[in-house]
N, C-alpha and C. Protein backbone atom coordinates (compact mmCIF):
# COMPACT_ATOMS: atom_id res chain seq x y z
N UNK A 1 123.53 99.26 145.12
CA UNK A 1 123.58 100.65 146.46
C UNK A 1 123.77 101.77 145.62
N UNK A 2 123.28 103.04 145.68
CA UNK A 2 124.26 104.10 144.98
C UNK A 2 124.00 105.47 146.58
N UNK A 3 124.75 106.26 146.62
CA UNK A 3 125.41 107.12 147.90
C UNK A 3 125.07 108.20 146.70
N UNK A 4 124.16 109.18 147.35
CA UNK A 4 124.40 111.04 147.17
C UNK A 4 124.70 111.69 147.81
N UNK A 5 125.81 112.22 147.39
CA UNK A 5 126.55 113.31 148.23
C UNK A 5 126.00 115.05 147.18
N UNK A 6 125.29 115.68 148.14
CA UNK A 6 124.63 116.82 147.82
C UNK A 6 125.37 117.74 148.49
N UNK A 7 125.96 118.70 147.88
CA UNK A 7 126.35 120.23 148.83
C UNK A 7 125.47 121.35 148.11
N UNK A 8 125.02 122.03 149.30
CA UNK A 8 123.71 123.07 148.77
C UNK A 8 124.41 124.72 149.26
N UNK A 9 124.82 125.58 148.66
CA UNK A 9 124.83 126.96 149.12
C UNK A 9 123.49 127.88 149.35
N UNK A 10 123.39 128.24 150.12
CA UNK A 10 122.23 128.48 150.81
C UNK A 10 122.71 130.78 151.49
N UNK A 11 121.84 131.02 151.23
CA UNK A 11 122.05 132.26 151.58
C UNK A 11 121.54 132.24 153.28
N UNK A 12 122.78 132.53 153.98
CA UNK A 12 123.47 132.11 155.43
C UNK A 12 121.44 132.02 156.11
N UNK A 13 121.15 133.56 156.13
CA UNK A 13 119.96 133.74 157.04
C UNK A 13 118.73 132.66 156.56
N UNK A 14 118.54 132.25 155.24
CA UNK A 14 117.56 130.93 155.11
C UNK A 14 118.82 128.93 155.32
N UNK A 15 119.46 129.38 156.25
CA UNK A 15 119.73 128.19 156.45
C UNK A 15 119.09 127.34 157.32
N UNK A 16 118.75 127.64 158.27
CA UNK A 16 117.64 127.00 159.44
C UNK A 16 115.98 126.71 158.31
N UNK A 17 116.37 127.42 158.09
CA UNK A 17 114.69 127.29 156.55
C UNK A 17 114.88 126.33 155.78
N UNK A 18 115.97 125.73 155.40
CA UNK A 18 116.62 124.93 154.33
C UNK A 18 116.34 122.88 155.15
N UNK A 19 117.05 124.24 156.70
CA UNK A 19 117.43 122.55 157.13
C UNK A 19 116.22 122.05 157.64
N UNK A 20 114.94 122.88 158.06
CA UNK A 20 113.36 122.88 157.95
C UNK A 20 112.80 121.20 156.99
N UNK A 21 113.14 122.03 156.05
CA UNK A 21 112.37 121.76 154.51
C UNK A 21 112.99 120.48 154.16
N UNK A 22 114.42 120.36 154.59
CA UNK A 22 114.86 118.93 154.45
C UNK A 22 114.47 118.05 155.50
N UNK A 23 114.88 117.83 156.17
CA UNK A 23 114.22 117.44 157.55
C UNK A 23 112.60 116.68 157.34
N UNK A 24 111.78 117.68 156.62
CA UNK A 24 110.53 117.56 156.60
C UNK A 24 110.37 116.29 154.98
N UNK A 25 111.55 116.35 153.73
CA UNK A 25 112.01 116.20 153.11
C UNK A 25 112.11 114.12 152.89
N UNK A 26 113.20 114.59 154.01
CA UNK A 26 113.56 112.61 154.48
C UNK A 26 112.58 112.46 155.42
N UNK A 27 111.79 113.11 156.45
CA UNK A 27 111.18 111.99 156.64
C UNK A 27 109.89 111.27 155.78
N UNK A 28 109.38 111.92 154.71
CA UNK A 28 108.95 111.25 153.89
C UNK A 28 109.89 110.04 152.88
N UNK A 29 111.06 110.85 152.22
CA UNK A 29 111.67 109.49 152.01
C UNK A 29 112.03 108.38 152.51
N UNK A 30 112.73 108.44 154.19
CA UNK A 30 112.66 107.33 155.02
C UNK A 30 111.49 106.30 154.71
N UNK A 31 110.26 106.53 154.37
CA UNK A 31 109.20 105.70 153.91
C UNK A 31 109.05 105.02 152.66
N UNK A 32 110.39 105.49 152.16
CA UNK A 32 110.18 104.61 150.95
C UNK A 32 110.93 103.69 150.78
N UNK A 33 110.32 102.13 150.15
CA UNK A 33 111.23 101.21 150.28
C UNK A 33 112.70 100.33 150.20
N UNK A 34 113.07 100.96 148.94
CA UNK A 34 114.67 101.84 148.54
C UNK A 34 115.21 102.38 149.09
N UNK A 35 115.04 102.99 150.35
CA UNK A 35 116.12 104.05 151.48
C UNK A 35 116.58 103.30 152.26
N UNK A 36 117.90 103.73 152.31
CA UNK A 36 118.70 102.77 153.33
C UNK A 36 118.97 104.00 154.63
N UNK A 37 119.74 105.17 154.31
CA UNK A 37 119.28 106.20 155.22
C UNK A 37 120.09 107.67 154.94
N UNK A 38 120.10 108.16 155.68
CA UNK A 38 120.39 109.52 155.55
C UNK A 38 120.66 110.42 156.78
N UNK A 39 122.07 111.96 156.05
CA UNK A 39 122.17 113.00 157.61
C UNK A 39 122.11 114.01 156.68
N UNK A 40 121.49 115.08 157.21
CA UNK A 40 121.82 116.11 156.62
C UNK A 40 122.30 116.99 157.87
N UNK A 41 123.63 117.43 157.13
CA UNK A 41 124.30 118.38 158.06
C UNK A 41 125.05 120.00 157.46
N UNK A 42 124.74 120.77 158.75
CA UNK A 42 125.33 122.12 158.41
C UNK A 42 126.31 122.49 158.56
N UNK A 43 127.13 122.67 158.63
CA UNK A 43 128.61 123.48 157.80
C UNK A 43 128.70 124.51 159.00
N UNK A 44 129.69 123.64 160.25
CA UNK A 44 130.59 124.62 161.28
C UNK A 44 130.92 125.57 160.72
N UNK A 45 132.00 126.36 159.88
CA UNK A 45 132.53 127.11 159.06
C UNK A 45 132.23 128.02 158.81
N UNK A 46 131.25 127.67 158.08
CA UNK A 46 130.43 128.03 156.68
C UNK A 46 129.27 128.15 156.68
N UNK A 47 128.62 129.29 157.08
CA UNK A 47 127.18 129.40 157.64
C UNK A 47 126.18 129.11 155.76
N UNK A 48 126.59 129.20 154.63
CA UNK A 48 126.09 129.21 153.58
C UNK A 48 126.27 127.56 153.27
N UNK A 49 126.30 127.11 154.19
CA UNK A 49 126.60 125.31 153.41
C UNK A 49 125.83 124.44 154.12
N UNK A 50 125.31 123.82 153.49
CA UNK A 50 124.68 122.29 154.25
C UNK A 50 124.67 121.13 152.99
N UNK A 51 125.76 119.93 153.43
CA UNK A 51 125.66 118.67 153.10
C UNK A 51 124.68 117.36 153.51
N UNK A 52 124.18 117.56 152.35
CA UNK A 52 123.09 115.29 152.71
C UNK A 52 123.97 114.81 151.39
N UNK A 53 124.43 113.46 152.64
CA UNK A 53 124.38 111.64 152.07
C UNK A 53 123.40 111.60 152.16
N UNK A 54 122.64 110.37 151.29
CA UNK A 54 122.08 109.59 151.58
C UNK A 54 122.29 108.20 150.43
N UNK A 55 121.67 107.12 150.81
CA UNK A 55 122.13 106.09 150.35
C UNK A 55 120.46 105.16 150.32
N UNK A 56 120.80 104.65 149.14
CA UNK A 56 119.69 104.04 148.53
C UNK A 56 120.04 103.04 147.37
N UNK A 57 118.57 101.95 147.76
CA UNK A 57 118.96 100.67 147.44
C UNK A 57 118.58 100.75 145.47
N UNK A 58 119.53 101.83 145.05
CA UNK A 58 118.95 102.21 143.84
C UNK A 58 120.07 102.40 143.05
N UNK A 59 120.13 102.73 141.26
CA UNK A 59 121.03 102.84 140.44
C UNK A 59 120.76 104.42 140.25
N UNK A 60 121.79 105.08 139.54
CA UNK A 60 121.21 106.56 139.22
C UNK A 60 120.83 106.28 138.61
N UNK A 61 119.89 105.70 137.40
CA UNK A 61 118.90 105.61 137.23
C UNK A 61 117.77 105.64 137.63
N UNK A 62 117.99 104.55 138.15
CA UNK A 62 116.02 103.99 139.01
C UNK A 62 115.65 105.44 140.08
N UNK A 63 116.95 106.12 140.60
CA UNK A 63 116.71 106.90 141.77
C UNK A 63 116.61 108.47 141.00
N UNK A 64 116.70 108.78 139.94
CA UNK A 64 116.26 109.77 139.16
C UNK A 64 114.93 109.48 138.22
N UNK A 65 114.50 108.04 138.08
CA UNK A 65 113.71 107.70 137.10
C UNK A 65 112.26 107.58 138.25
N UNK A 66 112.20 106.85 139.19
CA UNK A 66 111.53 106.32 140.87
C UNK A 66 111.44 107.33 141.73
N UNK A 67 112.44 108.15 142.01
CA UNK A 67 112.12 108.57 143.18
C UNK A 67 112.36 110.38 143.48
N UNK A 68 112.94 110.85 142.42
CA UNK A 68 113.22 111.94 141.95
C UNK A 68 112.08 113.18 142.03
N UNK A 69 111.06 112.30 141.01
CA UNK A 69 110.06 112.92 140.94
C UNK A 69 108.53 113.30 141.37
N UNK A 70 109.02 112.16 143.18
CA UNK A 70 107.92 112.25 144.00
C UNK A 70 107.85 113.76 144.73
N UNK A 71 106.08 114.08 144.57
CA UNK A 71 106.03 114.85 144.84
C UNK A 71 106.47 115.39 146.53
N UNK A 72 106.42 115.13 147.15
CA UNK A 72 107.28 115.61 148.43
C UNK A 72 108.52 115.87 148.22
N UNK A 73 109.20 116.07 146.25
CA UNK A 73 110.43 116.74 146.24
C UNK A 73 109.93 118.60 146.54
N UNK A 74 108.69 118.79 145.53
CA UNK A 74 108.31 119.72 145.49
C UNK A 74 108.44 121.06 146.46
N UNK A 75 108.73 120.84 147.47
CA UNK A 75 108.92 122.22 148.70
C UNK A 75 110.43 122.36 149.04
N UNK A 76 110.73 121.07 148.82
CA UNK A 76 112.78 121.47 148.51
C UNK A 76 112.82 121.92 147.55
N UNK A 77 112.68 120.91 146.58
CA UNK A 77 112.91 121.79 145.15
C UNK A 77 112.84 123.66 145.07
N UNK A 78 111.33 123.86 145.32
CA UNK A 78 110.69 125.53 145.40
C UNK A 78 111.54 126.26 146.40
N UNK A 79 111.98 125.80 147.51
CA UNK A 79 113.07 126.66 148.48
C UNK A 79 114.04 127.01 148.25
N UNK A 80 114.73 126.29 146.81
CA UNK A 80 115.88 125.94 146.43
C UNK A 80 116.19 126.93 145.93
N UNK A 81 115.21 127.29 145.09
CA UNK A 81 114.77 128.19 143.61
C UNK A 81 114.51 129.58 144.24
N UNK A 82 114.33 129.85 145.58
CA UNK A 82 114.43 131.02 146.33
C UNK A 82 115.37 131.33 147.06
N UNK A 83 115.76 130.15 147.48
CA UNK A 83 117.31 131.12 148.55
C UNK A 83 118.72 130.44 148.30
N UNK A 84 118.79 129.22 147.14
CA UNK A 84 119.91 128.73 147.11
C UNK A 84 120.67 129.45 146.36
N UNK A 85 122.22 129.38 146.68
CA UNK A 85 123.03 129.87 145.93
C UNK A 85 123.86 129.08 144.81
N UNK A 86 123.47 127.85 144.37
CA UNK A 86 124.13 126.69 144.37
C UNK A 86 123.40 125.50 144.98
N UNK A 87 124.05 124.45 144.19
CA UNK A 87 123.94 122.77 144.40
C UNK A 87 124.92 122.06 143.80
N UNK A 88 125.62 121.06 143.70
CA UNK A 88 126.45 120.36 143.42
C UNK A 88 126.52 118.81 144.26
N UNK A 89 126.04 117.91 143.36
CA UNK A 89 125.64 116.79 143.19
C UNK A 89 126.41 116.06 143.39
N UNK A 90 127.33 113.99 143.58
CA UNK A 90 127.84 113.58 143.45
C UNK A 90 127.55 112.21 143.62
N UNK A 91 127.13 111.75 142.63
CA UNK A 91 126.57 110.40 142.81
C UNK A 91 128.33 109.28 143.15
N UNK A 92 127.53 108.42 144.25
CA UNK A 92 129.07 107.87 144.30
C UNK A 92 128.97 106.06 144.12
N UNK A 93 129.58 105.07 144.65
CA UNK A 93 129.81 103.85 144.60
C UNK A 93 130.51 103.50 145.60
N UNK A 94 129.89 103.09 146.34
CA UNK A 94 130.47 102.73 147.68
C UNK A 94 131.80 101.37 147.69
N UNK A 95 132.57 101.54 148.04
CA UNK A 95 133.92 100.69 148.01
C UNK A 95 134.70 101.01 149.55
N UNK A 96 134.28 100.65 149.89
CA UNK A 96 134.42 100.20 151.66
C UNK A 96 133.49 101.52 152.94
N UNK A 97 133.55 100.15 153.75
CA UNK A 97 133.15 101.12 154.54
C UNK A 97 133.17 100.57 156.09
N UNK A 98 133.26 101.55 156.79
CA UNK A 98 133.84 101.08 158.35
C UNK A 98 133.28 101.84 159.47
N UNK A 99 133.18 101.42 160.62
CA UNK A 99 132.50 101.83 161.73
C UNK A 99 132.95 101.04 163.17
N UNK A 100 132.75 101.96 164.15
CA UNK A 100 133.47 101.49 165.28
C UNK A 100 133.05 100.36 165.85
N UNK A 101 133.81 99.54 166.76
CA UNK A 101 132.88 97.93 167.13
C UNK A 101 131.74 98.76 168.02
N UNK A 102 132.39 99.91 168.56
CA UNK A 102 131.38 100.07 169.67
C UNK A 102 131.16 101.33 169.67
N UNK A 103 130.38 102.08 169.70
CA UNK A 103 130.19 103.38 169.44
C UNK A 103 130.01 104.37 170.52
N UNK A 104 129.99 105.37 170.57
CA UNK A 104 129.97 106.31 171.27
C UNK A 104 128.28 107.04 171.57
N UNK A 105 128.10 106.92 170.25
CA UNK A 105 126.66 107.74 169.70
C UNK A 105 125.73 106.83 170.14
N UNK A 106 124.45 107.06 170.19
CA UNK A 106 123.98 105.62 170.73
C UNK A 106 122.55 106.10 169.39
N UNK A 107 122.40 104.22 169.49
CA UNK A 107 121.60 103.84 167.82
C UNK A 107 120.36 105.37 168.03
N UNK A 108 119.98 105.56 166.71
CA UNK A 108 118.85 106.20 166.57
C UNK A 108 117.55 105.49 165.06
N UNK A 109 116.48 105.25 165.87
CA UNK A 109 115.59 104.81 164.77
C UNK A 109 114.98 105.84 163.65
N UNK A 110 114.66 107.31 164.75
CA UNK A 110 114.40 108.34 163.49
C UNK A 110 115.57 109.20 164.32
N UNK A 111 115.01 110.60 163.16
CA UNK A 111 115.63 111.37 163.29
C UNK A 111 115.88 112.36 164.67
N UNK A 112 116.95 113.25 164.59
CA UNK A 112 117.24 113.72 165.61
C UNK A 112 115.96 114.78 166.08
N UNK A 113 116.36 114.78 167.19
CA UNK A 113 114.90 116.00 167.53
C UNK A 113 113.59 115.20 167.93
N UNK A 114 113.49 113.97 167.42
CA UNK A 114 112.29 113.51 167.22
C UNK A 114 112.02 112.94 168.22
N UNK A 115 112.71 112.33 169.46
CA UNK A 115 113.10 111.80 170.75
C UNK A 115 112.26 112.23 171.30
């Protein structure tokens, strides 16, 4: 399993556009058989920052070879070329995980805003 954590700097006036394209991207990615889960977040105190966290039943190499070239990445990458200020990606190996025994947040099977 691999975790990908991406920090994207974007012109603040285009952050909502990036988030919308990100939602479309993850709607497609979620259908991939090796997809586990993902979060896309807007920083509260930094209007130019979007943070993406995604987990895959892939290695870094297999993700780059099998997932990244898929055509649904094209609109996201094109938007980053146009409005992005920088992007830094970290490939992570999970070494531990904790969850509350009883979450105060309802479990969701679809992304927010689709219920």
